[in-house]
Amino acid sequence: SEDYAWWSEELGREIGPGTFGENLTVSGLPAPGIAV
């Protein structure tokens, strides 16, 4: 969800959950990458 907030600011419009086709929109997951 933190990345959606970034995209919303970047694109100048609200980008909501599911827009990118994800199954689970989550908060608190580490960024920018997580170990496989």
PDB file of all heavy atoms in Angstrom:
ATOM      1  N   SER A   1       0.832  -1.200   0.000  1.00  0.00           N
ATOM      2  CA  SER A   1       0.000   0.000   0.000  1.00  0.00           C
ATOM      3  C   SER A   1       0.871   1.257   0.000  1.00  0.00           C
ATOM      4  O   SER A   1       0.493   2.286  -0.565  1.00  0.00           O
ATOM      5  CB  SER A   1      -0.945   0.009   1.197  1.00  0.00           C
ATOM      6  OG  SER A   1      -0.223  -0.001   2.424  1.00  0.00           O
ATOM      7  N   GLU A   2       2.066   1.157   0.599  1.00  0.00           N
ATOM      8  CA  GLU A   2       2.983   2.284   0.620  1.00  0.00           C
ATOM      9  C   GLU A   2       3.425   2.654  -0.805  1.00  0.00           C
ATOM     10  O   GLU A   2       3.625   3.835  -1.121  1.00  0.00           O
ATOM     11  CB  GLU A   2       4.211   1.968   1.478  1.00  0.00           C
ATOM     12  CG  GLU A   2       3.912   1.779   2.952  1.00  0.00           C
ATOM     13  CD  GLU A   2       3.554   0.352   3.333  1.00  0.00           C
ATOM     14  OE1 GLU A   2       3.248  -0.461   2.419  1.00  0.00           O
ATOM     15  OE2 GLU A   2       3.572   0.045   4.533  1.00  0.00           O
ATOM     16  N   ASP A   3       3.570   1.641  -1.659  1.00  0.00           N
ATOM     17  CA  ASP A   3       3.955   1.910  -3.045  1.00  0.00           C
ATOM     18  C   ASP A   3       2.784   2.481  -3.842  1.00  0.00           C
ATOM     19  O   ASP A   3       2.981   3.301  -4.747  1.00  0.00           O
ATOM     20  CB  ASP A   3       4.503   0.639  -3.694  1.00  0.00           C
ATOM     21  CG  ASP A   3       5.853   0.237  -3.121  1.00  0.00           C
ATOM     22  OD1 ASP A   3       6.610   1.141  -2.707  1.00  0.00           O
ATOM     23  OD2 ASP A   3       6.144  -0.964  -3.073  1.00  0.00           O
ATOM     24  N   TYR A   4       1.578   2.064  -3.519  1.00  0.00           N
ATOM     25  CA  TYR A   4       0.412   2.692  -4.152  1.00  0.00           C
ATOM     26  C   TYR A   4       0.331   4.176  -3.781  1.00  0.00           C
ATOM     27  O   TYR A   4      -0.033   5.022  -4.616  1.00  0.00           O
ATOM     28  CB  TYR A   4      -0.877   1.991  -3.734  1.00  0.00           C
ATOM     29  CG  TYR A   4      -1.274   0.862  -4.655  1.00  0.00           C
ATOM     30  CD1 TYR A   4      -1.693  -0.356  -4.146  1.00  0.00           C
ATOM     31  CD2 TYR A   4      -1.256   1.024  -6.048  1.00  0.00           C
ATOM     32  CE1 TYR A   4      -2.070  -1.393  -4.983  1.00  0.00           C
ATOM     33  CE2 TYR A   4      -1.626  -0.012  -6.889  1.00  0.00           C
ATOM     34  CZ  TYR A   4      -2.036  -1.208  -6.362  1.00  0.00           C
ATOM     35  OH  TYR A   4      -2.404  -2.232  -7.198  1.00  0.00           O
ATOM     36  N   ALA A   5       0.658   4.501  -2.547  1.00  0.00           N
ATOM     37  CA  ALA A   5       0.659   5.905  -2.136  1.00  0.00           C
ATOM     38  C   ALA A   5       1.682   6.691  -2.952  1.00  0.00           C
ATOM     39  O   ALA A   5       1.432   7.836  -3.374  1.00  0.00           O
ATOM     40  CB  ALA A   5       0.956   6.019  -0.640  1.00  0.00           C
ATOM     41  N   TRP A   6       2.833   6.077  -3.189  1.00  0.00           N
ATOM     42  CA  TRP A   6       3.883   6.713  -4.005  1.00  0.00           C
ATOM     43  C   TRP A   6       3.387   6.929  -5.429  1.00  0.00           C
ATOM     44  O   TRP A   6       3.550   8.011  -5.990  1.00  0.00           O
ATOM     45  CB  TRP A   6       5.142   5.850  -4.001  1.00  0.00           C
ATOM     46  CG  TRP A   6       6.289   6.464  -4.750  1.00  0.00           C
ATOM     47  CD1 TRP A   6       7.238   7.306  -4.255  1.00  0.00           C
ATOM     48  CD2 TRP A   6       6.593   6.282  -6.147  1.00  0.00           C
ATOM     49  NE1 TRP A   6       8.125   7.660  -5.241  1.00  0.00           N
ATOM     50  CE2 TRP A   6       7.752   7.050  -6.408  1.00  0.00           C
ATOM     51  CE3 TRP A   6       6.020   5.555  -7.184  1.00  0.00           C
ATOM     52  CZ2 TRP A   6       8.337   7.111  -7.677  1.00  0.00           C
ATOM     53  CZ3 TRP A   6       6.588   5.613  -8.446  1.00  0.00           C
ATOM     54  CH2 TRP A   6       7.734   6.375  -8.697  1.00  0.00           C
ATOM     55  N   TRP A   7       2.747   5.903  -6.014  1.00  0.00           N
ATOM     56  CA  TRP A   7       2.239   6.010  -7.381  1.00  0.00           C
ATOM     57  C   TRP A   7       1.133   7.064  -7.467  1.00  0.00           C
ATOM     58  O   TRP A   7       1.044   7.814  -8.447  1.00  0.00           O
ATOM     59  CB  TRP A   7       1.701   4.666  -7.865  1.00  0.00           C
ATOM     60  CG  TRP A   7       2.750   3.732  -8.376  1.00  0.00           C
ATOM     61  CD1 TRP A   7       3.162   2.559  -7.813  1.00  0.00           C
ATOM     62  CD2 TRP A   7       3.522   3.897  -9.563  1.00  0.00           C
ATOM     63  NE1 TRP A   7       4.155   1.980  -8.571  1.00  0.00           N
ATOM     64  CE2 TRP A   7       4.399   2.779  -9.645  1.00  0.00           C
ATOM     65  CE3 TRP A   7       3.574   4.876 -10.555  1.00  0.00           C
ATOM     66  CZ2 TRP A   7       5.295   2.622 -10.702  1.00  0.00           C
ATOM     67  CZ3 TRP A   7       4.481   4.710 -11.607  1.00  0.00           C
ATOM     68  CH2 TRP A   7       5.325   3.599 -11.672  1.00  0.00           C
ATOM     69  N   SER A   8       0.281   7.135  -6.457  1.00  0.00           N
ATOM     70  CA  SER A   8      -0.796   8.123  -6.461  1.00  0.00           C
ATOM     71  C   SER A   8      -0.235   9.535  -6.533  1.00  0.00           C
ATOM     72  O   SER A   8      -0.742  10.397  -7.270  1.00  0.00           O
ATOM     73  CB  SER A   8      -1.673   7.960  -5.218  1.00  0.00           C
ATOM     74  OG  SER A   8      -2.356   6.718  -5.223  1.00  0.00           O
ATOM     75  N   GLU A   9       0.830   9.766  -5.777  1.00  0.00           N
ATOM     76  CA  GLU A   9       1.471  11.082  -5.810  1.00  0.00           C
ATOM     77  C   GLU A   9       2.176  11.307  -7.143  1.00  0.00           C
ATOM     78  O   GLU A   9       2.108  12.393  -7.725  1.00  0.00           O
ATOM     79  CB  GLU A   9       2.464  11.205  -4.655  1.00  0.00           C
ATOM     80  CG  GLU A   9       3.120  12.570  -4.559  1.00  0.00           C
ATOM     81  CD  GLU A   9       3.976  12.719  -3.313  1.00  0.00           C
ATOM     82  OE1 GLU A   9       3.878  11.885  -2.402  1.00  0.00           O
ATOM     83  OE2 GLU A   9       4.744  13.701  -3.258  1.00  0.00           O
ATOM     84  N   GLU A  10       2.841  10.262  -7.627  1.00  0.00           N
ATOM     85  CA  GLU A  10       3.585  10.353  -8.879  1.00  0.00           C
ATOM     86  C   GLU A  10       2.666  10.637 -10.062  1.00  0.00           C
ATOM     87  O   GLU A  10       3.002  11.447 -10.946  1.00  0.00           O
ATOM     88  CB  GLU A  10       4.346   9.041  -9.115  1.00  0.00           C
ATOM     89  CG  GLU A  10       5.211   8.998 -10.359  1.00  0.00           C
ATOM     90  CD  GLU A  10       6.517   9.756 -10.222  1.00  0.00           C
ATOM     91  OE1 GLU A  10       6.813  10.276  -9.131  1.00  0.00           O
ATOM     92  OE2 GLU A  10       7.241   9.827 -11.231  1.00  0.00           O
ATOM     93  N   LEU A  11       1.508   9.985 -10.102  1.00  0.00           N
ATOM     94  CA  LEU A  11       0.595  10.108 -11.229  1.00  0.00           C
ATOM     95  C   LEU A  11      -0.448  11.198 -11.046  1.00  0.00           C
ATOM     96  O   LEU A  11      -1.176  11.532 -11.981  1.00  0.00           O
ATOM     97  CB  LEU A  11      -0.103   8.766 -11.477  1.00  0.00           C
ATOM     98  CG  LEU A  11       0.825   7.595 -11.823  1.00  0.00           C
ATOM     99  CD1 LEU A  11       0.019   6.305 -11.968  1.00  0.00           C
ATOM    100  CD2 LEU A  11       1.615   7.867 -13.103  1.00  0.00           C
ATOM    101  N   GLY A  12      -0.545  11.718  -9.827  1.00  0.00           N
ATOM    102  CA  GLY A  12      -1.492  12.790  -9.575  1.00  0.00           C
ATOM    103  C   GLY A  12      -2.932  12.342  -9.523  1.00  0.00           C
ATOM    104  O   GLY A  12      -3.856  13.144  -9.759  1.00  0.00           O
ATOM    105  N   ARG A  13      -3.154  11.077  -9.204  1.00  0.00           N
ATOM    106  CA  ARG A  13      -4.513  10.546  -9.052  1.00  0.00           C
ATOM    107  C   ARG A  13      -4.466   9.337  -8.136  1.00  0.00           C
ATOM    108  O   ARG A  13      -3.425   8.701  -7.986  1.00  0.00           O
ATOM    109  CB  ARG A  13      -5.122  10.149 -10.401  1.00  0.00           C
ATOM    110  CG  ARG A  13      -4.327   9.103 -11.196  1.00  0.00           C
ATOM    111  CD  ARG A  13      -4.897   8.951 -12.590  1.00  0.00           C
ATOM    112  NE  ARG A  13      -4.104   8.108 -13.447  1.00  0.00           N
ATOM    113  CZ  ARG A  13      -4.325   6.803 -13.629  1.00  0.00           C
ATOM    114  NH1 ARG A  13      -5.315   6.205 -12.992  1.00  0.00           N
ATOM    115  NH2 ARG A  13      -3.560   6.100 -14.451  1.00  0.00           N
ATOM    116  N   GLU A  14      -5.588   9.042  -7.539  1.00  0.00           N
ATOM    117  CA  GLU A  14      -5.634   7.939  -6.581  1.00  0.00           C
ATOM    118  C   GLU A  14      -5.502   6.597  -7.291  1.00  0.00           C
ATOM    119  O   GLU A  14      -6.226   6.311  -8.248  1.00  0.00           O
ATOM    120  CB  GLU A  14      -6.953   7.981  -5.809  1.00  0.00           C
ATOM    121  CG  GLU A  14      -7.041   6.954  -4.696  1.00  0.00           C
ATOM    122  CD  GLU A  14      -6.086   7.256  -3.547  1.00  0.00           C
ATOM    123  OE1 GLU A  14      -5.659   8.420  -3.416  1.00  0.00           O
ATOM    124  OE2 GLU A  14      -5.779   6.330  -2.784  1.00  0.00           O
ATOM    125  N   ILE A  15      -4.564   5.786  -6.827  1.00  0.00           N
ATOM    126  CA  ILE A  15      -4.383   4.425  -7.345  1.00  0.00           C
ATOM    127  C   ILE A  15      -4.737   3.474  -6.215  1.00  0.00           C
ATOM    128  O   ILE A  15      -4.036   3.405  -5.200  1.00  0.00           O
ATOM    129  CB  ILE A  15      -2.930   4.177  -7.808  1.00  0.00           C
ATOM    130  CG1 ILE A  15      -2.490   5.262  -8.800  1.00  0.00           C
ATOM    131  CG2 ILE A  15      -2.806   2.788  -8.429  1.00  0.00           C
ATOM    132  CD1 ILE A  15      -3.282   5.294 -10.080  1.00  0.00           C
ATOM    133  N   GLY A  16      -5.820   2.754  -6.366  1.00  0.00           N
ATOM    134  CA  GLY A  16      -6.337   1.933  -5.280  1.00  0.00           C
ATOM    135  C   GLY A  16      -5.952   0.476  -5.365  1.00  0.00           C
ATOM    136  O   GLY A  16      -5.401   0.014  -6.373  1.00  0.00           O
ATOM    137  N   PRO A  17      -6.225  -0.283  -4.314  1.00  0.00           N
ATOM    138  CA  PRO A  17      -5.903  -1.712  -4.260  1.00  0.00           C
ATOM    139  C   PRO A  17      -6.461  -2.488  -5.450  1.00  0.00           C
ATOM    140  O   PRO A  17      -7.586  -2.242  -5.897  1.00  0.00           O
ATOM    141  CB  PRO A  17      -6.567  -2.163  -2.957  1.00  0.00           C
ATOM    142  CG  PRO A  17      -6.577  -0.937  -2.108  1.00  0.00           C
ATOM    143  CD  PRO A  17      -6.847   0.195  -3.066  1.00  0.00           C
ATOM    144  N   GLY A  18      -5.649  -3.393  -5.957  1.00  0.00           N
ATOM    145  CA  GLY A  18      -6.055  -4.238  -7.073  1.00  0.00           C
ATOM    146  C   GLY A  18      -5.734  -3.663  -8.429  1.00  0.00           C
ATOM    147  O   GLY A  18      -5.811  -4.371  -9.439  1.00  0.00           O
ATOM    148  N   THR A  19      -5.361  -2.390  -8.504  1.00  0.00           N
ATOM    149  CA  THR A  19      -5.118  -1.749  -9.797  1.00  0.00           C
ATOM    150  C   THR A  19      -4.039  -2.465 -10.598  1.00  0.00           C
ATOM    151  O   THR A  19      -4.155  -2.623 -11.819  1.00  0.00           O
ATOM    152  CB  THR A  19      -4.723  -0.273  -9.608  1.00  0.00           C
ATOM    153  OG1 THR A  19      -5.775   0.420  -8.930  1.00  0.00           O
ATOM    154  CG2 THR A  19      -4.472   0.405 -10.948  1.00  0.00           C
ATOM    155  N   PHE A  20      -2.987  -2.903  -9.941  1.00  0.00           N
ATOM    156  CA  PHE A  20      -1.888  -3.564 -10.635  1.00  0.00           C
ATOM    157  C   PHE A  20      -2.094  -5.077 -10.762  1.00  0.00           C
ATOM    158  O   PHE A  20      -1.200  -5.790 -11.226  1.00  0.00           O
ATOM    159  CB  PHE A  20      -0.558  -3.289  -9.931  1.00  0.00           C
ATOM    160  CG  PHE A  20      -0.100  -1.849 -10.023  1.00  0.00           C
ATOM    161  CD1 PHE A  20       0.916  -1.390  -9.203  1.00  0.00           C
ATOM    162  CD2 PHE A  20      -0.682  -0.960 -10.915  1.00  0.00           C
ATOM    163  CE1 PHE A  20       1.342  -0.063  -9.278  1.00  0.00           C
ATOM    164  CE2 PHE A  20      -0.266   0.353 -10.999  1.00  0.00           C
ATOM    165  CZ  PHE A  20       0.755   0.810 -10.180  1.00  0.00           C
ATOM    166  N   GLY A  21      -3.247  -5.556 -10.340  1.00  0.00           N
ATOM    167  CA  GLY A  21      -3.562  -6.970 -10.498  1.00  0.00           C
ATOM    168  C   GLY A  21      -3.067  -7.846  -9.369  1.00  0.00           C
ATOM    169  O   GLY A  21      -3.026  -9.070  -9.508  1.00  0.00           O
ATOM    170  N   GLU A  22      -2.735  -7.216  -8.231  1.00  0.00           N
ATOM    171  CA  GLU A  22      -2.261  -8.028  -7.101  1.00  0.00           C
ATOM    172  C   GLU A  22      -3.428  -8.678  -6.373  1.00  0.00           C
ATOM    173  O   GLU A  22      -4.536  -8.152  -6.352  1.00  0.00           O
ATOM    174  CB  GLU A  22      -1.420  -7.191  -6.126  1.00  0.00           C
ATOM    175  CG  GLU A  22      -2.196  -6.337  -5.140  1.00  0.00           C
ATOM    176  CD  GLU A  22      -2.684  -5.037  -5.708  1.00  0.00           C
ATOM    177  OE1 GLU A  22      -2.503  -4.796  -6.932  1.00  0.00           O
ATOM    178  OE2 GLU A  22      -3.272  -4.254  -4.939  1.00  0.00           O
ATOM    179  N   ASN A  23      -3.140  -9.822  -5.775  1.00  0.00           N
ATOM    180  CA  ASN A  23      -4.137 -10.538  -4.981  1.00  0.00           C
ATOM    181  C   ASN A  23      -4.271  -9.960  -3.581  1.00  0.00           C
ATOM    182  O   ASN A  23      -5.376  -9.882  -3.043  1.00  0.00           O
ATOM    183  CB  ASN A  23      -3.772 -12.018  -4.866  1.00  0.00           C
ATOM    184  CG  ASN A  23      -3.613 -12.691  -6.199  1.00  0.00           C
ATOM    185  OD1 ASN A  23      -2.519 -13.086  -6.568  1.00  0.00           O
ATOM    186  ND2 ASN A  23      -4.707 -12.816  -6.941  1.00  0.00           N
ATOM    187  N   LEU A  24      -3.132  -9.582  -3.003  1.00  0.00           N
ATOM    188  CA  LEU A  24      -3.132  -9.037  -1.650  1.00  0.00           C
ATOM    189  C   LEU A  24      -2.423  -7.692  -1.646  1.00  0.00           C
ATOM    190  O   LEU A  24      -1.263  -7.588  -2.052  1.00  0.00           O
ATOM    191  CB  LEU A  24      -2.424  -9.980  -0.677  1.00  0.00           C
ATOM    192  CG  LEU A  24      -2.939 -11.423  -0.583  1.00  0.00           C
ATOM    193  CD1 LEU A  24      -2.101 -12.221   0.414  1.00  0.00           C
ATOM    194  CD2 LEU A  24      -4.409 -11.446  -0.194  1.00  0.00           C
ATOM    195  N   THR A  25      -3.134  -6.663  -1.228  1.00  0.00           N
ATOM    196  CA  THR A  25      -2.512  -5.371  -0.977  1.00  0.00           C
ATOM    197  C   THR A  25      -2.159  -5.351   0.507  1.00  0.00           C
ATOM    198  O   THR A  25      -3.021  -5.610   1.350  1.00  0.00           O
ATOM    199  CB  THR A  25      -3.477  -4.223  -1.296  1.00  0.00           C
ATOM    200  OG1 THR A  25      -4.090  -4.450  -2.565  1.00  0.00           O
ATOM    201  CG2 THR A  25      -2.732  -2.905  -1.322  1.00  0.00           C
ATOM    202  N   VAL A  26      -0.890  -5.095   0.824  1.00  0.00           N
ATOM    203  CA  VAL A  26      -0.438  -5.227   2.206  1.00  0.00           C
ATOM    204  C   VAL A  26       0.297  -3.973   2.654  1.00  0.00           C
ATOM    205  O   VAL A  26       0.809  -3.202   1.839  1.00  0.00           O
ATOM    206  CB  VAL A  26       0.491  -6.457   2.371  1.00  0.00           C
ATOM    207  CG1 VAL A  26      -0.238  -7.732   1.999  1.00  0.00           C
ATOM    208  CG2 VAL A  26       1.761  -6.307   1.529  1.00  0.00           C
ATOM    209  N   SER A  27       0.373  -3.782   3.948  1.00  0.00           N
ATOM    210  CA  SER A  27       1.141  -2.684   4.521  1.00  0.00           C
ATOM    211  C   SER A  27       2.205  -3.235   5.455  1.00  0.00           C
ATOM    212  O   SER A  27       2.034  -4.293   6.058  1.00  0.00           O
ATOM    213  CB  SER A  27       0.223  -1.730   5.289  1.00  0.00           C
ATOM    214  OG  SER A  27      -0.356  -2.389   6.400  1.00  0.00           O
ATOM    215  N   GLY A  28       3.325  -2.519   5.525  1.00  0.00           N
ATOM    216  CA  GLY A  28       4.378  -2.887   6.457  1.00  0.00           C
ATOM    217  C   GLY A  28       5.450  -3.804   5.907  1.00  0.00           C
ATOM    218  O   GLY A  28       6.455  -4.066   6.577  1.00  0.00           O
ATOM    219  N   LEU A  29       5.257  -4.312   4.693  1.00  0.00           N
ATOM    220  CA  LEU A  29       6.252  -5.195   4.097  1.00  0.00           C
ATOM    221  C   LEU A  29       7.517  -4.394   3.795  1.00  0.00           C
ATOM    222  O   LEU A  29       7.427  -3.273   3.287  1.00  0.00           O
ATOM    223  CB  LEU A  29       5.698  -5.803   2.812  1.00  0.00           C
ATOM    224  CG  LEU A  29       6.361  -7.064   2.261  1.00  0.00           C
ATOM    225  CD1 LEU A  29       6.159  -8.224   3.220  1.00  0.00           C
ATOM    226  CD2 LEU A  29       5.776  -7.401   0.898  1.00  0.00           C
ATOM    227  N   PRO A  30       8.710  -4.920   4.093  1.00  0.00           N
ATOM    228  CA  PRO A  30       9.935  -4.160   3.863  1.00  0.00           C
ATOM    229  C   PRO A  30      10.113  -3.761   2.403  1.00  0.00           C
ATOM    230  O   PRO A  30       9.684  -4.460   1.496  1.00  0.00           O
ATOM    231  CB  PRO A  30      11.036  -5.133   4.302  1.00  0.00           C
ATOM    232  CG  PRO A  30      10.374  -6.071   5.252  1.00  0.00           C
ATOM    233  CD  PRO A  30       8.984  -6.228   4.747  1.00  0.00           C
ATOM    234  N   ALA A  31      10.759  -2.650   2.202  1.00  0.00           N
ATOM    235  CA  ALA A  31      11.083  -2.149   0.865  1.00  0.00           C
ATOM    236  C   ALA A  31      12.579  -1.850   0.817  1.00  0.00           C
ATOM    237  O   ALA A  31      13.210  -1.660   1.853  1.00  0.00           O
ATOM    238  CB  ALA A  31      10.286  -0.889   0.570  1.00  0.00           C
ATOM    239  N   PRO A  32      13.193  -1.830  -0.380  1.00  0.00           N
ATOM    240  CA  PRO A  32      12.561  -1.977  -1.675  1.00  0.00           C
ATOM    241  C   PRO A  32      12.461  -3.427  -2.152  1.00  0.00           C
ATOM    242  O   PRO A  32      11.697  -3.726  -3.063  1.00  0.00           O
ATOM    243  CB  PRO A  32      13.493  -1.188  -2.597  1.00  0.00           C
ATOM    244  CG  PRO A  32      14.844  -1.389  -1.979  1.00  0.00           C
ATOM    245  CD  PRO A  32      14.605  -1.437  -0.497  1.00  0.00           C
ATOM    246  N   GLY A  33      13.246  -4.324  -1.583  1.00  0.00           N
ATOM    247  CA  GLY A  33      13.205  -5.721  -2.009  1.00  0.00           C
ATOM    248  C   GLY A  33      13.221  -6.628  -0.803  1.00  0.00           C
ATOM    249  O   GLY A  33      13.667  -6.251   0.280  1.00  0.00           O
ATOM    250  N   ILE A  34      12.733  -7.838  -0.983  1.00  0.00           N
ATOM    251  CA  ILE A  34      12.704  -8.806   0.103  1.00  0.00           C
ATOM    252  C   ILE A  34      13.392 -10.073  -0.389  1.00  0.00           C
ATOM    253  O   ILE A  34      13.325 -10.404  -1.581  1.00  0.00           O
ATOM    254  CB  ILE A  34      11.245  -9.085   0.543  1.00  0.00           C
ATOM    255  CG1 ILE A  34      11.201  -9.970   1.788  1.00  0.00           C
ATOM    256  CG2 ILE A  34      10.422  -9.672  -0.597  1.00  0.00           C
ATOM    257  CD1 ILE A  34       9.808 -10.063   2.395  1.00  0.00           C
ATOM    258  N   ALA A  35      14.094 -10.764   0.484  1.00  0.00           N
ATOM    259  CA  ALA A  35      14.870 -11.925   0.073  1.00  0.00           C
ATOM    260  C   ALA A  35      13.979 -13.067  -0.402  1.00  0.00           C
ATOM    261  O   ALA A  35      12.980 -13.402   0.241  1.00  0.00           O
ATOM    262  CB  ALA A  35      15.746 -12.406   1.223  1.00  0.00           C
ATOM    263  N   VAL A  36      14.333 -13.641  -1.540  1.00  0.00           N
ATOM    264  CA  VAL A  36      13.656 -14.842  -2.020  1.00  0.00           C
ATOM    265  C   VAL A  36      13.829 -15.945  -0.978  1.00  0.00           C
ATOM    266  O   VAL A  36      14.916 -16.123  -0.421  1.00  0.00           O
ATOM    267  CB  VAL A  36      14.247 -15.276  -3.373  1.00  0.00           C
ATOM    268  CG1 VAL A  36      13.686 -16.627  -3.800  1.00  0.00           C
ATOM    269  CG2 VAL A  36      13.974 -14.232  -4.437  1.00  0.00           C
TER     270      VAL A  36
END
